[in-house]
Protein backbone atom coordinates (compact mmCIF):
# COMPACT_ATOMS: atom_id res chain seq x y z
CA UNK A 1 0.00 0.00 0.00
CA UNK A 2 2.82 2.39 0.92
CA UNK A 3 4.62 1.62 -2.35
CA UNK A 4 1.41 2.32 -4.29
CA UNK A 5 0.97 5.70 -2.60
CA UNK A 6 4.62 6.67 -3.02
CA UNK A 7 4.63 5.84 -6.74
CA UNK A 8 5.17 9.07 -8.70
CA UNK A 9 2.60 8.25 -11.35
CA UNK A 10 0.00 7.40 -8.72
CA UNK A 11 0.68 10.70 -7.00
CA UNK A 12 0.45 12.43 -10.37
CA UNK A 13 -3.02 10.93 -10.96
CA UNK A 14 -4.11 11.83 -7.43
CA UNK A 15 -2.85 15.35 -8.05
CA UNK A 16 -5.10 15.63 -11.11
CA UNK A 17 -8.09 14.52 -9.05
CA UNK A 18 -7.18 17.11 -6.41
CA UNK A 19 -7.08 19.85 -9.06
CA UNK A 20 -10.52 18.84 -10.34
CA UNK A 21 -11.92 18.82 -6.79
CA UNK A 22 -10.43 22.25 -6.14
CA UNK A 23 -11.88 23.45 -9.44
CA UNK A 24 -15.37 22.28 -8.37
CA UNK A 25 -15.06 24.07 -5.02
CA UNK A 26 -13.93 27.34 -6.62
CA UNK A 27 -16.72 27.10 -9.18
CA UNK A 28 -19.32 26.69 -6.43
CA UNK A 29 -17.87 29.67 -4.55
CA UNK A 30 -17.40 32.16 -7.38
CA UNK A 31 -19.66 31.14 -10.27
CA UNK A 32 -22.80 33.26 -10.06
CA UNK A 33 -24.29 32.88 -13.53
CA UNK A 34 -22.74 29.68 -14.88
CA UNK A 35 -20.10 31.43 -16.98
CA UNK A 36 -17.76 33.52 -14.82
CA UNK A 37 -16.05 30.49 -13.28
CA UNK A 38 -17.54 27.51 -15.13
CA UNK A 39 -17.62 24.12 -13.47
CA UNK A 40 -15.68 21.12 -14.81
CA UNK A 41 -18.97 19.64 -16.09
CA UNK A 42 -19.82 22.73 -18.18
CA UNK A 43 -16.22 23.06 -19.35
CA UNK A 44 -15.91 19.43 -20.44
CA UNK A 45 -19.32 19.61 -22.15
CA UNK A 46 -18.10 22.58 -24.21
CA UNK A 47 -14.76 20.83 -24.73
CA UNK A 48 -16.47 17.79 -26.28
CA UNK A 49 -18.25 20.16 -28.66
CA UNK A 50 -14.93 21.73 -29.66
CA UNK A 51 -13.48 18.26 -30.28
CA UNK A 52 -16.03 17.84 -33.07
CA UNK A 53 -15.07 21.12 -34.73
CA UNK A 54 -12.21 21.00 -37.29
CA UNK A 55 -11.39 24.63 -36.49
CA UNK A 56 -10.22 23.62 -33.01
CA UNK A 57 -7.57 21.31 -34.46
CA UNK A 58 -6.60 23.96 -36.98
CA UNK A 59 -5.98 26.44 -34.15
CA UNK A 60 -4.09 23.86 -32.09
CA UNK A 61 -1.99 22.87 -35.09
CA UNK A 62 -1.10 26.47 -35.98
CA UNK A 63 -0.04 27.23 -32.42
CA UNK A 64 1.99 24.04 -32.19
CA UNK A 65 3.67 24.77 -35.54
CA UNK A 66 4.70 28.28 -34.53
CA UNK A 67 5.92 26.99 -31.18
CA UNK A 68 8.05 24.34 -32.92
CA UNK A 69 9.59 26.96 -35.20
CA UNK A 70 10.55 29.16 -32.25
CA UNK A 71 11.73 26.26 -30.12
CA UNK A 72 13.85 24.77 -32.94
CA UNK A 73 15.58 28.08 -33.60
CA UNK A 74 16.18 28.58 -29.89
CA UNK A 75 17.59 25.07 -29.48
CA UNK A 76 19.91 25.41 -32.48
CA UNK A 77 21.28 28.72 -31.20
CA UNK A 78 21.61 27.41 -27.64
CA UNK A 79 23.41 24.30 -28.84
CA UNK A 80 26.01 26.29 -30.77
CA UNK A 81 26.58 28.97 -28.11
CA UNK A 82 26.36 26.44 -25.27
CA UNK A 83 29.03 24.20 -26.78
CA UNK A 84 31.51 27.05 -27.05
CA UNK A 85 30.65 28.49 -23.63
CA UNK A 86 30.87 25.07 -22.01
CA UNK A 87 34.35 24.59 -23.41
CA UNK A 88 35.63 28.09 -22.66
CA UNK A 89 35.15 29.40 -19.11
CA UNK A 90 35.84 33.08 -20.03
CA UNK A 91 33.01 33.00 -22.59
CA UNK A 92 30.70 31.32 -20.05
CA UNK A 93 31.45 34.04 -17.47
CA UNK A 94 31.06 36.76 -20.10
CA UNK A 95 27.58 35.53 -21.11
CA UNK A 96 26.31 34.98 -17.56
CA UNK A 97 25.03 38.59 -17.07
CA UNK A 98 23.25 38.46 -20.45
CA UNK A 99 21.50 35.20 -19.56
CA UNK A 100 20.47 36.63 -16.20
CA UNK A 101 18.99 39.71 -17.88
CA UNK A 102 17.08 37.64 -20.45
CA UNK A 103 15.63 35.38 -17.75
CA UNK A 104 14.63 38.43 -15.69
CA UNK A 105 12.72 40.26 -18.44
CA UNK A 106 8.93 39.86 -18.00
CA UNK A 107 7.45 37.86 -20.84
CA UNK A 108 4.71 40.44 -21.37
CA UNK A 109 7.33 43.15 -21.90
CA UNK A 110 8.97 41.05 -24.61
CA UNK A 111 5.65 40.59 -26.38
CA UNK A 112 4.99 44.34 -26.44
CA UNK A 113 8.57 45.02 -27.57
CA UNK A 114 8.41 42.61 -30.51
CA UNK A 115 4.94 43.84 -31.52
CA UNK A 116 6.34 47.37 -31.80
CA UNK A 117 9.63 46.41 -33.47
CA UNK A 118 8.25 43.80 -35.87
CA UNK A 119 4.73 42.48 -36.45
CA UNK A 120 2.17 40.95 -34.07
CA UNK A 121 2.21 37.79 -36.20
CA UNK A 122 5.92 37.17 -35.59
CA UNK A 123 6.00 38.31 -31.96
CA UNK A 124 4.93 34.97 -30.35
CA UNK A 125 7.64 33.03 -32.19
CA UNK A 126 10.33 35.50 -31.14
CA UNK A 127 9.17 35.41 -27.53
CA UNK A 128 9.49 31.61 -27.50
CA UNK A 129 13.02 31.91 -28.92
CA UNK A 130 14.17 34.45 -26.32
CA UNK A 131 12.53 32.82 -23.27
CA UNK A 132 13.69 29.26 -24.04
CA UNK A 133 17.22 30.19 -25.12
CA UNK A 134 18.75 30.68 -21.62
CA UNK A 135 17.26 27.41 -20.35
CA UNK A 136 18.55 25.40 -23.29
CA UNK A 137 21.88 27.23 -23.32
CA UNK A 138 22.57 26.49 -19.65
CA UNK A 139 21.59 22.84 -20.11
CA UNK A 140 24.13 22.44 -22.92
CA UNK A 141 26.90 24.55 -21.35
CA UNK A 142 26.61 23.04 -17.86
CA UNK A 143 26.39 19.53 -19.26
CA UNK A 144 29.66 19.99 -21.14
CA UNK A 145 31.36 21.68 -18.18
CA UNK A 146 30.53 18.68 -15.94
CA UNK A 147 32.17 16.12 -18.21
CA UNK A 148 35.04 14.39 -16.42
CA UNK A 149 38.29 16.18 -17.48
CA UNK A 150 40.19 12.88 -17.34
CA UNK A 151 38.02 11.49 -20.14
CA UNK A 152 38.73 14.56 -22.26
CA UNK A 153 42.45 14.33 -21.47
CA UNK A 154 42.47 10.67 -22.52
CA UNK A 155 40.89 11.63 -25.84
CA UNK A 156 43.52 14.36 -26.26
CA UNK A 157 46.32 11.83 -25.64
CA UNK A 158 44.77 9.52 -28.23
CA UNK A 159 45.14 12.35 -30.77
CA UNK A 160 41.53 13.59 -30.93
CA UNK A 161 41.35 17.14 -32.25
CA UNK A 162 39.33 19.94 -30.66
CA UNK A 163 36.07 19.47 -32.57
CA UNK A 164 36.26 15.69 -32.25
CA UNK A 165 36.73 15.99 -28.49
CA UNK A 166 33.73 18.29 -28.32
CA UNK A 167 31.32 16.52 -30.69
CA UNK A 168 32.34 12.88 -30.16
CA UNK A 169 33.37 12.88 -26.50
CA UNK A 170 31.90 15.79 -24.54
CA UNK A 171 28.51 16.28 -26.22
CA UNK A 172 27.41 12.62 -25.97
CA UNK A 173 28.39 12.58 -22.29
CA UNK A 174 26.39 15.79 -21.71
CA UNK A 175 23.31 14.53 -23.55
CA UNK A 176 21.38 13.75 -20.35
CA UNK A 177 21.64 17.41 -19.27
CA UNK A 178 20.55 18.52 -22.74
CA UNK A 179 17.53 16.21 -22.68
CA UNK A 180 16.43 17.52 -19.28
CA UNK A 181 16.72 21.08 -20.59
CA UNK A 182 14.69 20.22 -23.67
CA UNK A 183 11.84 18.49 -21.82
CA UNK A 184 11.77 21.25 -19.20
CA UNK A 185 11.50 24.06 -21.74
CA UNK A 186 9.34 22.38 -24.40
CA UNK A 187 6.06 22.57 -22.50
CA UNK A 188 7.03 26.06 -21.28
CA UNK A 189 7.42 27.19 -24.89
CA UNK A 190 3.89 25.98 -25.68
CA UNK A 191 2.46 28.00 -22.80
CA UNK A 192 4.48 31.06 -23.82
CA UNK A 193 3.27 30.79 -27.43
CA UNK A 194 -0.37 30.71 -26.31
CA UNK A 195 0.10 33.62 -23.91
CA UNK A 196 1.79 35.72 -26.60
CA UNK A 197 -1.05 34.96 -29.02
CA UNK A 198 -3.60 36.02 -26.42
CA UNK A 199 -1.81 39.33 -25.81
CA UNK A 200 -1.32 40.19 -29.49
CA UNK A 201 -4.80 38.97 -30.41
CA UNK A 202 -3.94 39.18 -34.10
CA UNK A 203 -2.23 35.85 -34.79
CA UNK A 204 -4.68 34.15 -37.12
CA UNK A 205 -5.88 30.62 -36.43
CA UNK A 206 -4.03 30.17 -33.17
CA UNK A 207 -5.21 28.72 -29.88
CA UNK A 208 -4.30 31.92 -28.06
CA UNK A 209 -5.97 34.15 -30.64
CA UNK A 210 -9.24 32.21 -30.47
CA UNK A 211 -9.17 32.45 -26.65
CA UNK A 212 -8.68 36.20 -27.03
CA UNK A 213 -11.57 36.40 -29.51
CA UNK A 214 -14.15 34.46 -27.46
CA UNK A 215 -13.24 36.47 -24.35
CA UNK A 216 -13.67 39.77 -26.18
CA UNK A 217 -16.95 38.58 -27.68
CA UNK A 218 -18.53 38.01 -24.25
CA UNK A 219 -16.34 38.85 -21.20
CA UNK A 220 -18.94 37.39 -18.81
CA UNK A 221 -19.07 33.96 -20.48
CA UNK A 222 -15.80 32.11 -19.92
CA UNK A 223 -16.89 28.55 -20.59
CA UNK A 224 -15.41 28.62 -24.09
CA UNK A 225 -12.23 30.23 -22.74
CA UNK A 226 -11.86 27.40 -20.21
CA UNK A 227 -12.69 24.79 -22.87
CA UNK A 228 -10.09 26.08 -25.34
CA UNK A 229 -7.59 26.34 -22.50
CA UNK A 230 -8.26 22.69 -21.74
CA UNK A 231 -6.46 21.76 -24.97
CA UNK A 232 -3.31 23.41 -23.61
CA UNK A 233 -3.79 21.96 -20.10
CA UNK A 234 -4.12 18.39 -21.40
CA UNK A 235 -1.03 18.85 -23.56
CA UNK A 236 0.93 20.23 -20.60
CA UNK A 237 -0.16 17.37 -18.33
CA UNK A 238 0.81 14.75 -20.90
CA UNK A 239 4.18 16.36 -21.48
CA UNK A 240 4.77 16.71 -17.73
CA UNK A 241 4.11 12.98 -17.41
CA UNK A 242 6.51 12.31 -20.29
CA UNK A 243 9.08 14.53 -18.58
CA UNK A 244 8.83 12.45 -15.40
CA UNK A 245 9.29 9.23 -17.38
CA UNK A 246 12.35 10.59 -19.22
CA UNK A 247 13.96 11.82 -15.99
CA UNK A 248 13.40 8.45 -14.31
CA UNK A 249 15.03 6.68 -17.27
CA UNK A 250 18.02 9.03 -17.12
CA UNK A 251 18.39 8.51 -13.37
CA UNK A 252 18.38 4.72 -13.84
CA UNK A 253 21.01 5.03 -16.57
CA UNK A 254 23.26 7.02 -14.25
CA UNK A 255 22.86 4.45 -11.50
């Protein structure tokens, strides 16, 4: 019984039930007309209706596509910069203030900045790039910095050149840190993309833009807002579960 309760996946499932119970309680306390704080029943009823509408999948697909574009660019840049910073301590120290500043900038401020500098359509992608870059960069750089120097020295003695030592020796040994950074920032990038779409309100056929539209159409009826948000919540829960599985596999490999 104790093993069943202590199992992470069991606790994860119990946590979901707790969230639903809390949702019901808050709905009973604050929902006065059935729409301000809709109950799980009303939300899931509207959600099942959205599941039958092709437009819902179109919005979800567009948001996911833009998120993937931003995340891929961010990962590629972080991989290149992280490799060099991980191998050169002066560069790592030089970039540390920049990474701290980027992580400290409010996401909303970045959205407004990119809307002014570029176009509202491109702003969500750029926000994903900027927000995810420090996380991915530190995962790559720190992973390379923690590689055992004796292994690198052995490769040097065997005649391995600089790029071979980095790409064939260091990077594969740092891959577990990179994977953790990727799974930690991937779901975050999806949430950021939706939030940026909501703020700009002009990104066509996006999950965030449709949430913005239905809220503007009737601010007192939030059932559709909750239902559309449920797409993102389910995705986040599934990816969080996947993240736990990946981390457990990596821990077992280390042991």
